[in-house]
Amino acid sequence: MKRETLLNYAKKQFHAEPNYLWNNFPRYAVLRHHDDGDKWFAIVMNVPGTKLGLKDDKEVDILNVKLRPEYIGSLRKKEGILPAYHMNKEHWISIVLSGPLTDKEIFDFLTESYNLTSR
């Protein structure tokens, strides 16, 4: 999945505009609830693969989403799902956007994260 596809889906489905918060990481896009501008439900980042435990240092687009802790252990056994980069690894995962997951699977994880972070 391409980053743009994901961000367009988030805008259409959740009315979430990407927020670019850090000057030193200009492509890191935070997705927040539109009715509560402070509550994140996802972040898209470009990270060197070696920082994710991958063999290649090439930058990889990842999506961090929050999921129920009871699912995270088994999900991390799937190719393309990693321990969360710079987030609580008990509640969050990182998804490699160029990995083997289908768009539907990624959209479902994004929706779950949106629902779990709703007030």
C-alpha atoms as a PDB file:
ATOM      1  CA  MET A   1       0.000   0.000   0.000  1.00  0.00           C
ATOM      2  CA  LYS A   2       1.193   3.478  -0.732  1.00  0.00           C
ATOM      3  CA  ARG A   3       1.282   6.146   1.957  1.00  0.00           C
ATOM      4  CA  GLU A   4      -1.027   8.362  -0.127  1.00  0.00           C
ATOM      5  CA  THR A   5      -3.642   5.595  -0.388  1.00  0.00           C
ATOM      6  CA  LEU A   6      -3.659   5.212   3.389  1.00  0.00           C
ATOM      7  CA  LEU A   7      -3.878   8.959   4.060  1.00  0.00           C
ATOM      8  CA  ASN A   8      -6.692   9.365   1.513  1.00  0.00           C
ATOM      9  CA  TYR A   9      -8.608   6.536   3.173  1.00  0.00           C
ATOM     10  CA  ALA A  10      -8.161   8.118   6.622  1.00  0.00           C
ATOM     11  CA  LYS A  11      -9.420  11.440   5.305  1.00  0.00           C
ATOM     12  CA  LYS A  12     -12.460   9.901   3.619  1.00  0.00           C
ATOM     13  CA  GLN A  13     -13.353   7.387   6.339  1.00  0.00           C
ATOM     14  CA  PHE A  14     -12.454   9.305   9.510  1.00  0.00           C
ATOM     15  CA  HIS A  15     -12.155  12.951   8.360  1.00  0.00           C
ATOM     16  CA  ALA A  16      -8.561  12.791   9.603  1.00  0.00           C
ATOM     17  CA  GLU A  17      -6.067  15.148   8.018  1.00  0.00           C
ATOM     18  CA  PRO A  18      -2.421  14.210   8.511  1.00  0.00           C
ATOM     19  CA  ASN A  19      -0.516  16.422  10.951  1.00  0.00           C
ATOM     20  CA  TYR A  20       3.204  16.864  10.379  1.00  0.00           C
ATOM     21  CA  LEU A  21       4.498  17.784  13.815  1.00  0.00           C
ATOM     22  CA  TRP A  22       8.264  17.491  13.671  1.00  0.00           C
ATOM     23  CA  ASN A  23      10.637  19.592  11.561  1.00  0.00           C
ATOM     24  CA  ASN A  24      13.361  16.960  11.803  1.00  0.00           C
ATOM     25  CA  PHE A  25      10.908  14.261  10.607  1.00  0.00           C
ATOM     26  CA  PRO A  26       8.914  16.084   7.917  1.00  0.00           C
ATOM     27  CA  ARG A  27       7.208  12.949   6.538  1.00  0.00           C
ATOM     28  CA  TYR A  28       5.933  11.633   9.891  1.00  0.00           C
ATOM     29  CA  ALA A  29       2.153  12.026   9.662  1.00  0.00           C
ATOM     30  CA  VAL A  30      -0.010  11.796  12.785  1.00  0.00           C
ATOM     31  CA  LEU A  31      -3.683  10.897  12.332  1.00  0.00           C
ATOM     32  CA  ARG A  32      -6.031  12.263  14.976  1.00  0.00           C
ATOM     33  CA  HIS A  33      -9.713  12.041  15.725  1.00  0.00           C
ATOM     34  CA  HIS A  34     -11.456  14.935  13.977  1.00  0.00           C
ATOM     35  CA  ASP A  35     -13.718  15.623  16.967  1.00  0.00           C
ATOM     36  CA  ASP A  36     -10.805  15.576  19.438  1.00  0.00           C
ATOM     37  CA  GLY A  37      -7.684  17.064  17.889  1.00  0.00           C
ATOM     38  CA  ASP A  38      -5.403  15.670  20.585  1.00  0.00           C
ATOM     39  CA  LYS A  39      -6.233  11.966  20.397  1.00  0.00           C
ATOM     40  CA  TRP A  40      -4.009  10.052  17.969  1.00  0.00           C
ATOM     41  CA  PHE A  41      -5.181   6.848  16.374  1.00  0.00           C
ATOM     42  CA  ALA A  42      -2.253   6.277  14.014  1.00  0.00           C
ATOM     43  CA  ILE A  43       1.063   7.586  12.792  1.00  0.00           C
ATOM     44  CA  VAL A  44       2.751   7.005   9.440  1.00  0.00           C
ATOM     45  CA  MET A  45       6.551   7.137   9.474  1.00  0.00           C
ATOM     46  CA  ASN A  46       9.481   6.493   7.189  1.00  0.00           C
ATOM     47  CA  VAL A  47      12.145   4.602   9.128  1.00  0.00           C
ATOM     48  CA  PRO A  48      15.422   2.897   8.153  1.00  0.00           C
ATOM     49  CA  GLY A  49      14.765  -0.828   8.014  1.00  0.00           C
ATOM     50  CA  THR A  50      17.573  -1.665  10.422  1.00  0.00           C
ATOM     51  CA  LYS A  51      15.840   0.372  13.144  1.00  0.00           C
ATOM     52  CA  LEU A  52      12.904  -2.005  12.755  1.00  0.00           C
ATOM     53  CA  GLY A  53      15.021  -5.139  12.947  1.00  0.00           C
ATOM     54  CA  LEU A  54      15.050  -5.617   9.164  1.00  0.00           C
ATOM     55  CA  LYS A  55      18.197  -6.556   7.242  1.00  0.00           C
ATOM     56  CA  ASP A  56      18.175  -3.585   4.858  1.00  0.00           C
ATOM     57  CA  ASP A  57      18.861   0.029   5.875  1.00  0.00           C
ATOM     58  CA  LYS A  58      16.535   1.304   3.120  1.00  0.00           C
ATOM     59  CA  GLU A  59      13.746   3.533   4.467  1.00  0.00           C
ATOM     60  CA  VAL A  60      10.405   1.803   4.912  1.00  0.00           C
ATOM     61  CA  ASP A  61       6.995   3.422   5.349  1.00  0.00           C
ATOM     62  CA  ILE A  62       5.253   2.025   8.415  1.00  0.00           C
ATOM     63  CA  LEU A  63       1.908   2.576  10.073  1.00  0.00           C
ATOM     64  CA  ASN A  64       1.621   2.425  13.855  1.00  0.00           C
ATOM     65  CA  VAL A  65      -1.828   1.485  15.149  1.00  0.00           C
ATOM     66  CA  LYS A  66      -3.273   0.597  18.522  1.00  0.00           C
ATOM     67  CA  LEU A  67      -4.810  -2.860  18.924  1.00  0.00           C
ATOM     68  CA  ARG A  68      -6.091  -4.996  21.756  1.00  0.00           C
ATOM     69  CA  PRO A  69      -3.131  -6.434  23.688  1.00  0.00           C
ATOM     70  CA  GLU A  70      -4.489  -9.977  23.489  1.00  0.00           C
ATOM     71  CA  TYR A  71      -4.085  -9.918  19.666  1.00  0.00           C
ATOM     72  CA  ILE A  72      -0.678  -8.314  19.400  1.00  0.00           C
ATOM     73  CA  GLY A  73       1.505 -11.324  20.226  1.00  0.00           C
ATOM     74  CA  SER A  74       0.027 -13.525  17.526  1.00  0.00           C
ATOM     75  CA  LEU A  75      -0.164 -10.689  15.000  1.00  0.00           C
ATOM     76  CA  ARG A  76       3.559  -9.989  15.311  1.00  0.00           C
ATOM     77  CA  LYS A  77       4.171 -13.497  13.977  1.00  0.00           C
ATOM     78  CA  LYS A  78       2.728 -12.382  10.631  1.00  0.00           C
ATOM     79  CA  GLU A  79       5.112 -11.088   8.009  1.00  0.00           C
ATOM     80  CA  GLY A  80       4.824  -7.311   7.704  1.00  0.00           C
ATOM     81  CA  ILE A  81       3.783  -6.734  11.332  1.00  0.00           C
ATOM     82  CA  LEU A  82       6.460  -5.645  13.792  1.00  0.00           C
ATOM     83  CA  PRO A  83       6.728  -4.479  17.395  1.00  0.00           C
ATOM     84  CA  ALA A  84       5.676  -0.839  17.519  1.00  0.00           C
ATOM     85  CA  TYR A  85       8.394   1.635  16.647  1.00  0.00           C
ATOM     86  CA  HIS A  86       8.602   4.308  19.369  1.00  0.00           C
ATOM     87  CA  MET A  87       5.262   3.334  20.909  1.00  0.00           C
ATOM     88  CA  ASN A  88       4.046   1.057  23.699  1.00  0.00           C
ATOM     89  CA  LYS A  89       4.676  -2.427  22.332  1.00  0.00           C
ATOM     90  CA  GLU A  90       1.924  -3.942  24.471  1.00  0.00           C
ATOM     91  CA  HIS A  91      -0.781  -1.875  22.788  1.00  0.00           C
ATOM     92  CA  TRP A  92       0.664  -0.805  19.417  1.00  0.00           C
ATOM     93  CA  ILE A  93       2.115  -2.503  16.334  1.00  0.00           C
ATOM     94  CA  SER A  94       3.997  -1.266  13.280  1.00  0.00           C
ATOM     95  CA  ILE A  95       2.771  -2.379   9.871  1.00  0.00           C
ATOM     96  CA  VAL A  96       5.146  -2.290   6.916  1.00  0.00           C
ATOM     97  CA  LEU A  97       3.078  -0.600   4.221  1.00  0.00           C
ATOM     98  CA  SER A  98       5.041  -2.261   1.409  1.00  0.00           C
ATOM     99  CA  GLY A  99       4.656  -5.658   3.094  1.00  0.00           C
ATOM    100  CA  PRO A 100       2.372  -8.567   2.254  1.00  0.00           C
ATOM    101  CA  LEU A 101      -0.771  -7.332   4.038  1.00  0.00           C
ATOM    102  CA  THR A 102      -3.704  -6.439   1.829  1.00  0.00           C
ATOM    103  CA  ASP A 103      -5.191  -2.963   1.739  1.00  0.00           C
ATOM    104  CA  LYS A 104      -8.294  -4.360   3.439  1.00  0.00           C
ATOM    105  CA  GLU A 105      -6.250  -5.815   6.305  1.00  0.00           C
ATOM    106  CA  ILE A 106      -4.445  -2.506   6.816  1.00  0.00           C
ATOM    107  CA  PHE A 107      -7.711  -0.550   6.666  1.00  0.00           C
ATOM    108  CA  ASP A 108      -9.242  -2.950   9.210  1.00  0.00           C
ATOM    109  CA  PHE A 109      -6.320  -2.399  11.603  1.00  0.00           C
ATOM    110  CA  LEU A 110      -6.637   1.365  11.128  1.00  0.00           C
ATOM    111  CA  THR A 111     -10.368   1.185  11.883  1.00  0.00           C
ATOM    112  CA  GLU A 112      -9.720  -0.898  15.006  1.00  0.00           C
ATOM    113  CA  SER A 113      -7.191   1.653  16.204  1.00  0.00           C
ATOM    114  CA  TYR A 114      -9.634   4.477  15.519  1.00  0.00           C
ATOM    115  CA  ASN A 115     -12.333   2.711  17.545  1.00  0.00           C
ATOM    116  CA  LEU A 116     -10.010   1.812  20.424  1.00  0.00           C
ATOM    117  CA  THR A 117      -8.813   5.393  20.774  1.00  0.00           C
ATOM    118  CA  SER A 118     -12.286   6.958  20.644  1.00  0.00           C
ATOM    119  CA  ARG A 119     -13.554   8.469  23.842  1.00  0.00           C
END
